[in-house]
Amino acid sequence: MPAETDVYAVGVLRRLHTILRALTVRHPALSGARWRIARGEVRSQWHLWRHWAADRNWRAIRNSFNGYLAEHQHGGHNAGRGWTKRAATRRVESICDQSIRPEPSSTSGEVSS
């Protein structure tokens, strides 16, 4: 993975990571909060889906299942997404390669003035 690409979890996958960390990390400060954090994450995602469905915003629901998002640290490019970190990185690299590639020149014989 190139050093100038940031990859992070988004949507449902981010919430699953948060739930997993809350339930598995053994820290005295989290002793009574583990299940409260996990339940809050599940309820929050459920309320978002209900709100989006009521507004008929199916694209937002679909996008919540993107998995990972990869972005170049240097702006000006679209972000890549995928179910794995590797897929997201591949997609953002292909987007950047397409934007860097020069436009094909016109060979129709027209003279520009």
N, C-alpha and C. Protein backbone atom coordinates (compact mmCIF):
# COMPACT_ATOMS: atom_id res chain seq x y z
N MET A 1 0.85 -1.17 0.00
CA MET A 1 0.00 0.00 0.00
C MET A 1 0.90 1.24 0.00
N PRO A 2 0.70 2.16 -0.96
CA PRO A 2 1.53 3.34 -1.03
C PRO A 2 1.39 4.21 0.22
N ALA A 3 2.46 4.90 0.55
CA ALA A 3 2.48 5.69 1.77
C ALA A 3 1.56 6.91 1.68
N GLU A 4 1.24 7.37 0.47
CA GLU A 4 0.42 8.57 0.35
C GLU A 4 -1.07 8.26 0.28
N THR A 5 -1.47 7.03 0.56
CA THR A 5 -2.88 6.65 0.54
C THR A 5 -3.35 6.31 1.95
N ASP A 6 -4.45 6.94 2.37
CA ASP A 6 -5.06 6.64 3.67
C ASP A 6 -6.25 5.72 3.43
N VAL A 7 -6.34 4.64 4.21
CA VAL A 7 -7.44 3.69 4.10
C VAL A 7 -8.09 3.56 5.46
N TYR A 8 -9.41 3.68 5.51
CA TYR A 8 -10.11 3.54 6.78
C TYR A 8 -11.50 2.96 6.56
N ALA A 9 -12.04 2.36 7.61
CA ALA A 9 -13.36 1.75 7.55
C ALA A 9 -14.44 2.83 7.60
N VAL A 10 -15.54 2.60 6.86
CA VAL A 10 -16.66 3.53 6.86
C VAL A 10 -17.97 2.75 6.99
N GLY A 11 -19.02 3.46 7.38
CA GLY A 11 -20.35 2.88 7.42
C GLY A 11 -20.49 1.76 8.44
N VAL A 12 -21.14 0.69 8.01
CA VAL A 12 -21.43 -0.44 8.88
C VAL A 12 -20.14 -1.09 9.38
N LEU A 13 -19.15 -1.20 8.52
CA LEU A 13 -17.89 -1.82 8.92
C LEU A 13 -17.21 -1.04 10.04
N ARG A 14 -17.28 0.29 9.99
CA ARG A 14 -16.70 1.11 11.06
C ARG A 14 -17.42 0.83 12.38
N ARG A 15 -18.73 0.73 12.32
CA ARG A 15 -19.51 0.45 13.53
C ARG A 15 -19.18 -0.94 14.08
N LEU A 16 -19.00 -1.92 13.19
CA LEU A 16 -18.62 -3.26 13.64
C LEU A 16 -17.26 -3.25 14.32
N HIS A 17 -16.31 -2.48 13.78
CA HIS A 17 -15.00 -2.36 14.42
C HIS A 17 -15.14 -1.75 15.81
N THR A 18 -15.99 -0.72 15.94
CA THR A 18 -16.18 -0.07 17.23
C THR A 18 -16.79 -1.04 18.24
N ILE A 19 -17.80 -1.81 17.81
CA ILE A 19 -18.43 -2.79 18.69
C ILE A 19 -17.42 -3.85 19.12
N LEU A 20 -16.64 -4.34 18.17
CA LEU A 20 -15.64 -5.37 18.48
C LEU A 20 -14.62 -4.85 19.49
N ARG A 21 -14.13 -3.63 19.28
CA ARG A 21 -13.17 -3.06 20.23
C ARG A 21 -13.79 -2.88 21.61
N ALA A 22 -15.04 -2.42 21.65
CA ALA A 22 -15.70 -2.19 22.95
C ALA A 22 -15.87 -3.50 23.71
N LEU A 23 -16.13 -4.58 23.02
CA LEU A 23 -16.39 -5.85 23.69
C LEU A 23 -15.13 -6.65 24.01
N THR A 24 -14.01 -6.36 23.32
CA THR A 24 -12.81 -7.18 23.53
C THR A 24 -11.70 -6.48 24.31
N VAL A 25 -11.67 -5.17 24.33
CA VAL A 25 -10.60 -4.45 25.04
C VAL A 25 -10.86 -4.56 26.54
N ARG A 26 -9.86 -5.01 27.26
CA ARG A 26 -9.95 -5.15 28.71
C ARG A 26 -9.30 -3.94 29.37
N HIS A 27 -10.10 -2.96 29.71
CA HIS A 27 -9.60 -1.76 30.35
C HIS A 27 -10.55 -1.42 31.50
N PRO A 28 -10.02 -1.08 32.67
CA PRO A 28 -10.89 -0.81 33.83
C PRO A 28 -11.92 0.29 33.58
N ALA A 29 -11.58 1.27 32.76
CA ALA A 29 -12.51 2.37 32.51
C ALA A 29 -13.72 1.92 31.70
N LEU A 30 -13.59 0.80 30.97
CA LEU A 30 -14.69 0.31 30.15
C LEU A 30 -15.49 -0.80 30.82
N SER A 31 -15.25 -1.07 32.06
CA SER A 31 -15.86 -2.24 32.71
C SER A 31 -17.38 -2.24 32.61
N GLY A 32 -18.04 -1.14 32.87
CA GLY A 32 -19.50 -1.13 32.80
C GLY A 32 -20.04 -0.58 31.51
N ALA A 33 -19.17 -0.11 30.65
CA ALA A 33 -19.63 0.58 29.44
C ALA A 33 -19.59 -0.28 28.19
N ARG A 34 -19.05 -1.48 28.26
CA ARG A 34 -18.88 -2.30 27.06
C ARG A 34 -20.19 -2.50 26.30
N TRP A 35 -21.19 -3.02 26.99
CA TRP A 35 -22.45 -3.32 26.33
C TRP A 35 -23.22 -2.06 25.98
N ARG A 36 -23.04 -1.01 26.77
CA ARG A 36 -23.71 0.26 26.46
C ARG A 36 -23.17 0.84 25.15
N ILE A 37 -21.86 0.77 24.95
CA ILE A 37 -21.24 1.25 23.71
C ILE A 37 -21.72 0.42 22.54
N ALA A 38 -21.70 -0.91 22.68
CA ALA A 38 -22.11 -1.80 21.58
C ALA A 38 -23.59 -1.57 21.23
N ARG A 39 -24.44 -1.50 22.25
CA ARG A 39 -25.87 -1.28 22.01
C ARG A 39 -26.10 0.08 21.36
N GLY A 40 -25.37 1.10 21.78
CA GLY A 40 -25.51 2.43 21.20
C GLY A 40 -25.14 2.46 19.73
N GLU A 41 -24.09 1.73 19.36
CA GLU A 41 -23.67 1.68 17.95
C GLU A 41 -24.74 1.00 17.09
N VAL A 42 -25.28 -0.11 17.59
CA VAL A 42 -26.32 -0.83 16.84
C VAL A 42 -27.57 0.04 16.69
N ARG A 43 -28.01 0.65 17.79
CA ARG A 43 -29.20 1.49 17.74
C ARG A 43 -28.99 2.69 16.82
N SER A 44 -27.81 3.28 16.86
CA SER A 44 -27.53 4.44 16.03
C SER A 44 -27.62 4.09 14.55
N GLN A 45 -27.02 2.95 14.17
CA GLN A 45 -27.07 2.53 12.76
C GLN A 45 -28.50 2.21 12.36
N TRP A 46 -29.25 1.54 13.22
CA TRP A 46 -30.63 1.19 12.93
C TRP A 46 -31.48 2.45 12.72
N HIS A 47 -31.29 3.47 13.57
CA HIS A 47 -32.05 4.71 13.42
C HIS A 47 -31.69 5.43 12.12
N LEU A 48 -30.42 5.39 11.76
CA LEU A 48 -30.02 5.99 10.48
C LEU A 48 -30.72 5.31 9.32
N TRP A 49 -30.71 3.97 9.30
CA TRP A 49 -31.38 3.24 8.21
C TRP A 49 -32.86 3.56 8.16
N ARG A 50 -33.52 3.61 9.33
CA ARG A 50 -34.95 3.93 9.36
C ARG A 50 -35.22 5.33 8.82
N HIS A 51 -34.38 6.29 9.19
CA HIS A 51 -34.54 7.66 8.72
C HIS A 51 -34.35 7.73 7.20
N TRP A 52 -33.29 7.08 6.70
CA TRP A 52 -33.03 7.09 5.26
C TRP A 52 -34.14 6.39 4.48
N ALA A 53 -34.65 5.29 5.02
CA ALA A 53 -35.73 4.57 4.35
C ALA A 53 -37.01 5.41 4.33
N ALA A 54 -37.31 6.12 5.41
CA ALA A 54 -38.49 6.99 5.44
C ALA A 54 -38.37 8.11 4.41
N ASP A 55 -37.14 8.59 4.20
CA ASP A 55 -36.90 9.63 3.19
C ASP A 55 -36.72 9.07 1.79
N ARG A 56 -36.80 7.74 1.67
CA ARG A 56 -36.58 7.02 0.41
C ARG A 56 -35.19 7.31 -0.17
N ASN A 57 -34.22 7.41 0.70
CA ASN A 57 -32.83 7.67 0.31
C ASN A 57 -32.09 6.33 0.25
N TRP A 58 -32.39 5.56 -0.78
CA TRP A 58 -31.83 4.21 -0.90
C TRP A 58 -30.33 4.26 -1.17
N ARG A 59 -29.86 5.32 -1.81
CA ARG A 59 -28.42 5.43 -2.08
C ARG A 59 -27.63 5.53 -0.78
N ALA A 60 -28.14 6.25 0.20
CA ALA A 60 -27.45 6.38 1.49
C ALA A 60 -27.38 5.02 2.19
N ILE A 61 -28.46 4.25 2.11
CA ILE A 61 -28.45 2.92 2.71
C ILE A 61 -27.43 2.03 2.00
N ARG A 62 -27.41 2.06 0.68
CA ARG A 62 -26.45 1.26 -0.08
C ARG A 62 -25.01 1.69 0.23
N ASN A 63 -24.78 2.98 0.32
CA ASN A 63 -23.42 3.47 0.59
C ASN A 63 -22.94 3.15 2.00
N SER A 64 -23.85 2.86 2.91
CA SER A 64 -23.41 2.52 4.27
C SER A 64 -22.72 1.15 4.30
N PHE A 65 -22.81 0.39 3.22
CA PHE A 65 -22.15 -0.92 3.14
C PHE A 65 -20.88 -0.87 2.29
N ASN A 66 -20.25 0.29 2.15
CA ASN A 66 -19.06 0.41 1.32
C ASN A 66 -17.86 -0.36 1.86
N GLY A 67 -17.70 -0.47 3.14
CA GLY A 67 -16.57 -1.21 3.71
C GLY A 67 -15.41 -0.30 4.04
N TYR A 68 -14.49 -0.14 3.09
CA TYR A 68 -13.31 0.70 3.30
C TYR A 68 -13.28 1.82 2.29
N LEU A 69 -12.71 2.95 2.69
CA LEU A 69 -12.53 4.10 1.82
C LEU A 69 -11.04 4.42 1.77
N ALA A 70 -10.53 4.62 0.57
CA ALA A 70 -9.11 4.97 0.39
C ALA A 70 -9.03 6.33 -0.28
N GLU A 71 -8.21 7.21 0.27
CA GLU A 71 -8.04 8.55 -0.28
C GLU A 71 -6.56 8.88 -0.37
N HIS A 72 -6.20 9.59 -1.42
CA HIS A 72 -4.83 10.09 -1.52
C HIS A 72 -4.67 11.28 -0.59
N GLN A 73 -3.51 11.40 0.01
CA GLN A 73 -3.25 12.55 0.88
C GLN A 73 -3.18 13.83 0.07
N HIS A 74 -2.80 13.71 -1.19
CA HIS A 74 -2.76 14.86 -2.09
C HIS A 74 -4.14 14.98 -2.72
N GLY A 75 -4.79 16.12 -2.54
CA GLY A 75 -6.17 16.30 -3.01
C GLY A 75 -6.28 16.26 -4.53
N GLY A 76 -7.51 16.40 -4.99
CA GLY A 76 -7.75 16.46 -6.42
C GLY A 76 -8.17 15.14 -7.05
N HIS A 77 -8.25 14.08 -6.29
CA HIS A 77 -8.65 12.78 -6.83
C HIS A 77 -9.89 12.28 -6.09
N ASN A 78 -10.65 11.45 -6.77
CA ASN A 78 -11.79 10.80 -6.10
C ASN A 78 -11.28 9.73 -5.15
N ALA A 79 -12.15 9.30 -4.27
CA ALA A 79 -11.79 8.26 -3.31
C ALA A 79 -12.15 6.89 -3.90
N GLY A 80 -11.39 5.88 -3.50
CA GLY A 80 -11.69 4.51 -3.89
C GLY A 80 -12.37 3.80 -2.73
N ARG A 81 -13.27 2.88 -3.04
CA ARG A 81 -13.97 2.15 -2.00
C ARG A 81 -13.95 0.68 -2.33
N GLY A 82 -14.09 -0.14 -1.31
CA GLY A 82 -14.10 -1.58 -1.53
C GLY A 82 -14.35 -2.32 -0.24
N TRP A 83 -14.65 -3.63 -0.35
CA TRP A 83 -14.92 -4.44 0.82
C TRP A 83 -13.65 -4.77 1.59
N THR A 84 -12.49 -4.67 0.94
CA THR A 84 -11.22 -4.91 1.62
C THR A 84 -10.34 -3.68 1.45
N LYS A 85 -9.32 -3.56 2.31
CA LYS A 85 -8.39 -2.44 2.19
C LYS A 85 -7.66 -2.49 0.85
N ARG A 86 -7.30 -3.69 0.43
CA ARG A 86 -6.58 -3.85 -0.83
C ARG A 86 -7.44 -3.42 -2.02
N ALA A 87 -8.72 -3.80 -2.03
CA ALA A 87 -9.61 -3.42 -3.13
C ALA A 87 -9.80 -1.90 -3.18
N ALA A 88 -9.94 -1.27 -2.02
CA ALA A 88 -10.10 0.18 -1.98
C ALA A 88 -8.85 0.88 -2.49
N THR A 89 -7.69 0.37 -2.11
CA THR A 89 -6.43 0.96 -2.57
C THR A 89 -6.27 0.79 -4.07
N ARG A 90 -6.59 -0.39 -4.58
CA ARG A 90 -6.51 -0.63 -6.03
C ARG A 90 -7.41 0.33 -6.80
N ARG A 91 -8.62 0.54 -6.28
CA ARG A 91 -9.56 1.41 -6.98
C ARG A 91 -9.08 2.86 -6.99
N VAL A 92 -8.57 3.35 -5.88
CA VAL A 92 -8.11 4.74 -5.85
C VAL A 92 -6.87 4.91 -6.74
N GLU A 93 -6.02 3.89 -6.81
CA GLU A 93 -4.85 3.97 -7.69
C GLU A 93 -5.28 4.00 -9.16
N SER A 94 -6.28 3.21 -9.52
CA SER A 94 -6.73 3.21 -10.92
C SER A 94 -7.41 4.53 -11.27
N ILE A 95 -8.13 5.12 -10.31
CA ILE A 95 -8.75 6.42 -10.56
C ILE A 95 -7.67 7.47 -10.79
N CYS A 96 -6.61 7.45 -9.99
CA CYS A 96 -5.52 8.42 -10.15
C CYS A 96 -4.78 8.20 -11.46
N ASP A 97 -4.58 6.93 -11.83
CA ASP A 97 -3.90 6.64 -13.10
C ASP A 97 -4.71 7.16 -14.28
N GLN A 98 -6.01 7.02 -14.22
CA GLN A 98 -6.87 7.50 -15.31
C GLN A 98 -6.86 9.01 -15.39
N SER A 99 -6.78 9.69 -14.26
CA SER A 99 -6.79 11.15 -14.29
C SER A 99 -5.44 11.73 -14.72
N ILE A 100 -4.36 10.97 -14.55
CA ILE A 100 -3.04 11.44 -14.95
C ILE A 100 -2.79 11.18 -16.43
N ARG A 101 -3.39 10.13 -16.96
CA ARG A 101 -3.19 9.75 -18.36
C ARG A 101 -3.61 10.91 -19.28
N PRO A 102 -2.77 11.27 -20.28
CA PRO A 102 -3.12 12.38 -21.16
C PRO A 102 -4.30 12.03 -22.07
N GLU A 103 -5.03 13.05 -22.47
CA GLU A 103 -6.15 12.86 -23.37
C GLU A 103 -5.62 12.48 -24.76
N PRO A 104 -6.29 11.56 -25.45
CA PRO A 104 -5.85 11.21 -26.81
C PRO A 104 -6.04 12.40 -27.73
N SER A 105 -5.06 12.61 -28.61
CA SER A 105 -5.14 13.75 -29.52
C SER A 105 -6.08 13.43 -30.67
N SER A 106 -6.67 14.47 -31.21
CA SER A 106 -7.61 14.30 -32.31
C SER A 106 -6.84 14.03 -33.59
N THR A 107 -7.22 13.00 -34.33
CA THR A 107 -6.52 12.64 -35.58
C THR A 107 -7.46 12.79 -36.76
N SER A 108 -8.48 13.63 -36.63
CA SER A 108 -9.45 13.79 -37.72
C SER A 108 -8.97 14.72 -38.81
N GLY A 109 -7.81 15.32 -38.65
CA GLY A 109 -7.26 16.18 -39.69
C GLY A 109 -7.72 17.62 -39.58
N GLU A 110 -8.46 17.94 -38.54
CA GLU A 110 -8.91 19.31 -38.37
C GLU A 110 -7.76 20.19 -37.91
N VAL A 111 -7.74 21.39 -38.40
CA VAL A 111 -6.71 22.33 -38.00
C VAL A 111 -7.31 23.30 -37.01
N SER A 112 -6.67 23.42 -35.88
CA SER A 112 -7.17 24.35 -34.87
C SER A 112 -6.52 25.71 -35.08
N SER A 113 -7.30 26.75 -34.87
CA SER A 113 -6.73 28.09 -35.05
C SER A 113 -6.85 28.90 -33.80
